[in-house]
Amino acid sequence: MIIVGIILFIVIVVVAWELIYLKSTTKEEVFVLPQNFKGIVVIAYDQKDGLDDTIEDGKFIYRIPQNGVMKLKRKEVTTLSKSWYYFEDEQGKRTILDFCFPPCEEMKNNPDKFFAYGKSNGGTENEGEEIEFTSFLVGTSHDTDSLNRADEKLNLFEMIKSSK
């Protein structure tokens, strides 16, 4: 009976620690894209010419420019996150943009609907300089092949460095 009590206590401590850890390390992010944006989105970290973080209601707000590249001064990549994606028109009206991991049924069943998909974190290096980034794609199921090919051929280092 004592062994069962000890095991139960250990399980409770481990579960409580995990919940506290995940709650304290999970960030909330809101990605705001120009209305009808289609293409590759890249958020580059630790950029001298980058923007300071915008935080509203405890959430990181990323206002993605039309070229799809956002540079931030913040050094660390957000790894554990709860994310929302929106299109925003010129009047500031937001429309939700669903996220999926392809292949997803919803994207196949709604071929003309825009989705954000394929979010990943990574790094790229050129001549000893390294850039940490987050990237994802935005488009319809009709766009997945062309966007995936463009993403594979993309020189992220050049894209980030040439972005204003």
C-alpha atoms as a PDB file:
ATOM      1  CA  MET A   1       0.000   0.000   0.000  1.00  0.00           C
ATOM      2  CA  ILE A   2       2.875   2.363   0.763  1.00  0.00           C
ATOM      3  CA  ILE A   3       4.452   1.665  -2.646  1.00  0.00           C
ATOM      4  CA  VAL A   4       1.173   2.525  -4.429  1.00  0.00           C
ATOM      5  CA  GLY A   5       0.994   5.776  -2.432  1.00  0.00           C
ATOM      6  CA  ILE A   6       4.581   6.690  -3.347  1.00  0.00           C
ATOM      7  CA  ILE A   7       4.000   5.923  -7.033  1.00  0.00           C
ATOM      8  CA  LEU A   8       0.782   7.949  -7.023  1.00  0.00           C
ATOM      9  CA  PHE A   9       2.579  10.868  -5.330  1.00  0.00           C
ATOM     10  CA  ILE A  10       5.382  10.767  -7.940  1.00  0.00           C
ATOM     11  CA  VAL A  11       2.870  10.678 -10.795  1.00  0.00           C
ATOM     12  CA  ILE A  12       0.984  13.679  -9.356  1.00  0.00           C
ATOM     13  CA  VAL A  13       4.215  15.663  -8.896  1.00  0.00           C
ATOM     14  CA  VAL A  14       5.373  14.873 -12.457  1.00  0.00           C
ATOM     15  CA  VAL A  15       1.998  15.777 -13.996  1.00  0.00           C
ATOM     16  CA  ALA A  16       1.773  19.021 -11.980  1.00  0.00           C
ATOM     17  CA  TRP A  17       5.329  19.979 -12.954  1.00  0.00           C
ATOM     18  CA  GLU A  18       4.620  19.325 -16.647  1.00  0.00           C
ATOM     19  CA  LEU A  19       1.448  21.420 -16.554  1.00  0.00           C
ATOM     20  CA  ILE A  20       3.227  24.306 -14.837  1.00  0.00           C
ATOM     21  CA  TYR A  21       6.220  24.053 -17.190  1.00  0.00           C
ATOM     22  CA  LEU A  22       4.089  23.938 -20.344  1.00  0.00           C
ATOM     23  CA  LYS A  23       1.914  26.831 -19.147  1.00  0.00           C
ATOM     24  CA  SER A  24       4.944  28.989 -18.391  1.00  0.00           C
ATOM     25  CA  THR A  25       6.816  28.204 -21.645  1.00  0.00           C
ATOM     26  CA  THR A  26       3.927  28.151 -24.126  1.00  0.00           C
ATOM     27  CA  LYS A  27       3.575  31.480 -25.899  1.00  0.00           C
ATOM     28  CA  GLU A  28       0.474  32.765 -27.635  1.00  0.00           C
ATOM     29  CA  GLU A  29       1.033  34.169 -31.121  1.00  0.00           C
ATOM     30  CA  VAL A  30      -1.196  36.018 -33.558  1.00  0.00           C
ATOM     31  CA  PHE A  31      -0.102  36.202 -37.197  1.00  0.00           C
ATOM     32  CA  VAL A  32      -1.778  39.042 -39.112  1.00  0.00           C
ATOM     33  CA  LEU A  33      -1.325  38.902 -42.880  1.00  0.00           C
ATOM     34  CA  PRO A  34      -2.396  41.331 -45.603  1.00  0.00           C
ATOM     35  CA  GLN A  35      -5.775  40.455 -47.123  1.00  0.00           C
ATOM     36  CA  ASN A  36      -5.460  37.629 -49.704  1.00  0.00           C
ATOM     37  CA  PHE A  37      -1.728  37.164 -49.070  1.00  0.00           C
ATOM     38  CA  LYS A  38      -0.411  34.067 -50.829  1.00  0.00           C
ATOM     39  CA  GLY A  39       3.151  32.814 -50.474  1.00  0.00           C
ATOM     40  CA  ILE A  40       5.911  32.085 -48.002  1.00  0.00           C
ATOM     41  CA  VAL A  41       6.025  33.766 -44.593  1.00  0.00           C
ATOM     42  CA  VAL A  42       9.364  34.052 -42.814  1.00  0.00           C
ATOM     43  CA  ILE A  43       9.992  35.521 -39.358  1.00  0.00           C
ATOM     44  CA  ALA A  44      13.709  36.089 -38.796  1.00  0.00           C
ATOM     45  CA  TYR A  45      15.060  36.490 -35.250  1.00  0.00           C
ATOM     46  CA  ASP A  46      18.044  38.375 -33.832  1.00  0.00           C
ATOM     47  CA  GLN A  47      18.075  40.966 -36.613  1.00  0.00           C
ATOM     48  CA  LYS A  48      19.788  44.293 -35.895  1.00  0.00           C
ATOM     49  CA  ASP A  49      17.334  46.074 -38.208  1.00  0.00           C
ATOM     50  CA  GLY A  50      14.397  44.086 -36.811  1.00  0.00           C
ATOM     51  CA  LEU A  51      11.320  45.225 -34.953  1.00  0.00           C
ATOM     52  CA  ASP A  52      10.731  45.029 -31.227  1.00  0.00           C
ATOM     53  CA  ASP A  53       8.083  42.543 -30.137  1.00  0.00           C
ATOM     54  CA  THR A  54       4.489  43.731 -30.182  1.00  0.00           C
ATOM     55  CA  ILE A  55       2.533  42.205 -27.323  1.00  0.00           C
ATOM     56  CA  GLU A  56      -1.211  42.722 -26.871  1.00  0.00           C
ATOM     57  CA  ASP A  57      -3.213  40.955 -24.155  1.00  0.00           C
ATOM     58  CA  GLY A  58      -0.202  38.737 -23.450  1.00  0.00           C
ATOM     59  CA  LYS A  59       0.025  37.560 -27.085  1.00  0.00           C
ATOM     60  CA  PHE A  60       2.871  38.166 -29.536  1.00  0.00           C
ATOM     61  CA  ILE A  61       1.444  39.999 -32.566  1.00  0.00           C
ATOM     62  CA  TYR A  62       3.211  39.486 -35.883  1.00  0.00           C
ATOM     63  CA  ARG A  63       2.056  41.906 -38.581  1.00  0.00           C
ATOM     64  CA  ILE A  64       3.455  40.291 -41.691  1.00  0.00           C
ATOM     65  CA  PRO A  65       4.292  42.733 -44.517  1.00  0.00           C
ATOM     66  CA  GLN A  66       3.261  42.136 -48.133  1.00  0.00           C
ATOM     67  CA  ASN A  67       6.671  40.620 -48.980  1.00  0.00           C
ATOM     68  CA  GLY A  68       6.111  37.918 -46.310  1.00  0.00           C
ATOM     69  CA  VAL A  69       9.318  38.663 -44.361  1.00  0.00           C
ATOM     70  CA  MET A  70       9.272  39.994 -40.810  1.00  0.00           C
ATOM     71  CA  LYS A  71      12.483  40.724 -38.945  1.00  0.00           C
ATOM     72  CA  LEU A  72      12.559  40.782 -35.152  1.00  0.00           C
ATOM     73  CA  LYS A  73      15.211  41.917 -32.695  1.00  0.00           C
ATOM     74  CA  ARG A  74      14.219  39.134 -30.286  1.00  0.00           C
ATOM     75  CA  LYS A  75      16.874  36.430 -30.237  1.00  0.00           C
ATOM     76  CA  GLU A  76      14.879  33.344 -29.335  1.00  0.00           C
ATOM     77  CA  VAL A  77      12.533  31.438 -31.621  1.00  0.00           C
ATOM     78  CA  THR A  78       9.139  30.620 -30.132  1.00  0.00           C
ATOM     79  CA  THR A  79       9.028  26.834 -29.950  1.00  0.00           C
ATOM     80  CA  LEU A  80       5.950  26.012 -27.869  1.00  0.00           C
ATOM     81  CA  SER A  81       3.062  28.135 -29.029  1.00  0.00           C
ATOM     82  CA  LYS A  82      -0.659  28.460 -29.419  1.00  0.00           C
ATOM     83  CA  SER A  83      -1.200  30.325 -32.665  1.00  0.00           C
ATOM     84  CA  TRP A  84      -3.942  32.178 -34.522  1.00  0.00           C
ATOM     85  CA  TYR A  85      -3.777  33.329 -38.136  1.00  0.00           C
ATOM     86  CA  TYR A  86      -5.729  36.185 -39.745  1.00  0.00           C
ATOM     87  CA  PHE A  87      -6.066  38.156 -42.940  1.00  0.00           C
ATOM     88  CA  GLU A  88      -6.550  41.872 -42.292  1.00  0.00           C
ATOM     89  CA  ASP A  89      -8.029  44.351 -44.764  1.00  0.00           C
ATOM     90  CA  GLU A  90      -7.210  48.072 -45.102  1.00  0.00           C
ATOM     91  CA  GLN A  91      -9.917  48.960 -42.560  1.00  0.00           C
ATOM     92  CA  GLY A  92      -8.408  46.621 -39.938  1.00  0.00           C
ATOM     93  CA  LYS A  93     -11.132  43.981 -40.231  1.00  0.00           C
ATOM     94  CA  ARG A  94      -9.697  40.535 -39.533  1.00  0.00           C
ATOM     95  CA  THR A  95     -10.811  37.273 -41.104  1.00  0.00           C
ATOM     96  CA  ILE A  96      -9.661  34.002 -39.545  1.00  0.00           C
ATOM     97  CA  LEU A  97      -7.219  31.930 -41.560  1.00  0.00           C
ATOM     98  CA  ASP A  98      -7.293  28.251 -40.633  1.00  0.00           C
ATOM     99  CA  PHE A  99      -4.046  26.335 -40.070  1.00  0.00           C
ATOM    100  CA  CYS A 100      -3.493  22.740 -41.079  1.00  0.00           C
ATOM    101  CA  PHE A 101      -0.710  20.216 -41.492  1.00  0.00           C
ATOM    102  CA  PRO A 102      -0.947  18.847 -45.055  1.00  0.00           C
ATOM    103  CA  PRO A 103      -2.258  16.632 -46.220  1.00  0.00           C
ATOM    104  CA  CYS A 104      -5.405  17.642 -44.383  1.00  0.00           C
ATOM    105  CA  GLU A 105      -8.954  16.746 -45.294  1.00  0.00           C
ATOM    106  CA  GLU A 106     -10.329  20.237 -44.759  1.00  0.00           C
ATOM    107  CA  MET A 107      -7.874  21.650 -47.306  1.00  0.00           C
ATOM    108  CA  LYS A 108      -8.778  18.915 -49.828  1.00  0.00           C
ATOM    109  CA  ASN A 109     -12.506  19.449 -49.244  1.00  0.00           C
ATOM    110  CA  ASN A 110     -12.218  23.250 -49.669  1.00  0.00           C
ATOM    111  CA  PRO A 111      -9.796  23.659 -52.595  1.00  0.00           C
ATOM    112  CA  ASP A 112     -10.387  27.408 -53.006  1.00  0.00           C
ATOM    113  CA  LYS A 113     -10.121  28.283 -49.301  1.00  0.00           C
ATOM    114  CA  PHE A 114      -6.889  29.841 -48.046  1.00  0.00           C
ATOM    115  CA  PHE A 115      -4.961  28.075 -45.281  1.00  0.00           C
ATOM    116  CA  ALA A 116      -1.744  28.644 -43.382  1.00  0.00           C
ATOM    117  CA  TYR A 117       0.260  25.423 -43.348  1.00  0.00           C
ATOM    118  CA  GLY A 118       3.666  23.832 -42.929  1.00  0.00           C
ATOM    119  CA  LYS A 119       4.919  25.908 -39.988  1.00  0.00           C
ATOM    120  CA  SER A 120       8.483  25.100 -38.971  1.00  0.00           C
ATOM    121  CA  ASN A 121      11.447  26.555 -37.113  1.00  0.00           C
ATOM    122  CA  GLY A 122      14.988  26.351 -38.381  1.00  0.00           C
ATOM    123  CA  GLY A 123      18.258  28.042 -39.078  1.00  0.00           C
ATOM    124  CA  THR A 124      20.313  28.937 -42.122  1.00  0.00           C
ATOM    125  CA  GLU A 125      23.944  29.906 -42.403  1.00  0.00           C
ATOM    126  CA  ASN A 126      25.988  31.844 -44.929  1.00  0.00           C
ATOM    127  CA  GLU A 127      29.652  32.787 -44.563  1.00  0.00           C
ATOM    128  CA  GLY A 128      29.615  32.130 -40.831  1.00  0.00           C
ATOM    129  CA  GLU A 129      26.451  34.130 -40.176  1.00  0.00           C
ATOM    130  CA  GLU A 130      23.463  32.168 -38.895  1.00  0.00           C
ATOM    131  CA  ILE A 131      19.819  33.207 -38.933  1.00  0.00           C
ATOM    132  CA  GLU A 132      17.117  31.504 -36.853  1.00  0.00           C
ATOM    133  CA  PHE A 133      13.645  31.672 -38.346  1.00  0.00           C
ATOM    134  CA  THR A 134      10.057  30.489 -38.334  1.00  0.00           C
ATOM    135  CA  SER A 135       8.342  29.920 -41.665  1.00  0.00           C
ATOM    136  CA  PHE A 136       5.009  28.767 -43.033  1.00  0.00           C
ATOM    137  CA  LEU A 137       3.079  28.840 -46.288  1.00  0.00           C
ATOM    138  CA  VAL A 138      -0.237  30.483 -47.120  1.00  0.00           C
ATOM    139  CA  GLY A 139      -2.443  29.483 -50.018  1.00  0.00           C
ATOM    140  CA  THR A 140      -5.146  27.160 -51.297  1.00  0.00           C
ATOM    141  CA  SER A 141      -4.828  23.456 -52.063  1.00  0.00           C
ATOM    142  CA  HIS A 142      -4.331  24.515 -55.708  1.00  0.00           C
ATOM    143  CA  ASP A 143      -1.171  26.372 -54.589  1.00  0.00           C
ATOM    144  CA  THR A 144       0.485  23.664 -52.488  1.00  0.00           C
ATOM    145  CA  ASP A 145       2.686  22.174 -55.220  1.00  0.00           C
ATOM    146  CA  SER A 146       3.964  25.516 -56.519  1.00  0.00           C
ATOM    147  CA  LEU A 147       4.469  26.934 -53.011  1.00  0.00           C
ATOM    148  CA  ASN A 148       6.283  23.796 -51.853  1.00  0.00           C
ATOM    149  CA  ARG A 149       8.604  23.968 -54.907  1.00  0.00           C
ATOM    150  CA  ALA A 150       9.259  27.670 -54.288  1.00  0.00           C
ATOM    151  CA  ASP A 151       9.935  26.957 -50.609  1.00  0.00           C
ATOM    152  CA  GLU A 152      12.443  24.217 -51.501  1.00  0.00           C
ATOM    153  CA  LYS A 153      14.330  26.496 -53.914  1.00  0.00           C
ATOM    154  CA  LEU A 154      14.193  29.558 -51.688  1.00  0.00           C
ATOM    155  CA  ASN A 155      17.429  31.022 -50.380  1.00  0.00           C
ATOM    156  CA  LEU A 156      16.124  32.156 -46.984  1.00  0.00           C
ATOM    157  CA  PHE A 157      19.364  33.940 -46.138  1.00  0.00           C
ATOM    158  CA  GLU A 158      19.111  36.128 -49.238  1.00  0.00           C
ATOM    159  CA  MET A 159      15.372  36.654 -48.758  1.00  0.00           C
ATOM    160  CA  ILE A 160      15.867  37.857 -45.180  1.00  0.00           C
ATOM    161  CA  LYS A 161      18.942  39.967 -45.874  1.00  0.00           C
ATOM    162  CA  SER A 162      17.388  41.698 -48.901  1.00  0.00           C
ATOM    163  CA  SER A 163      14.130  42.444 -47.092  1.00  0.00           C
ATOM    164  CA  LYS A 164      13.569  45.997 -45.923  1.00  0.00           C
END
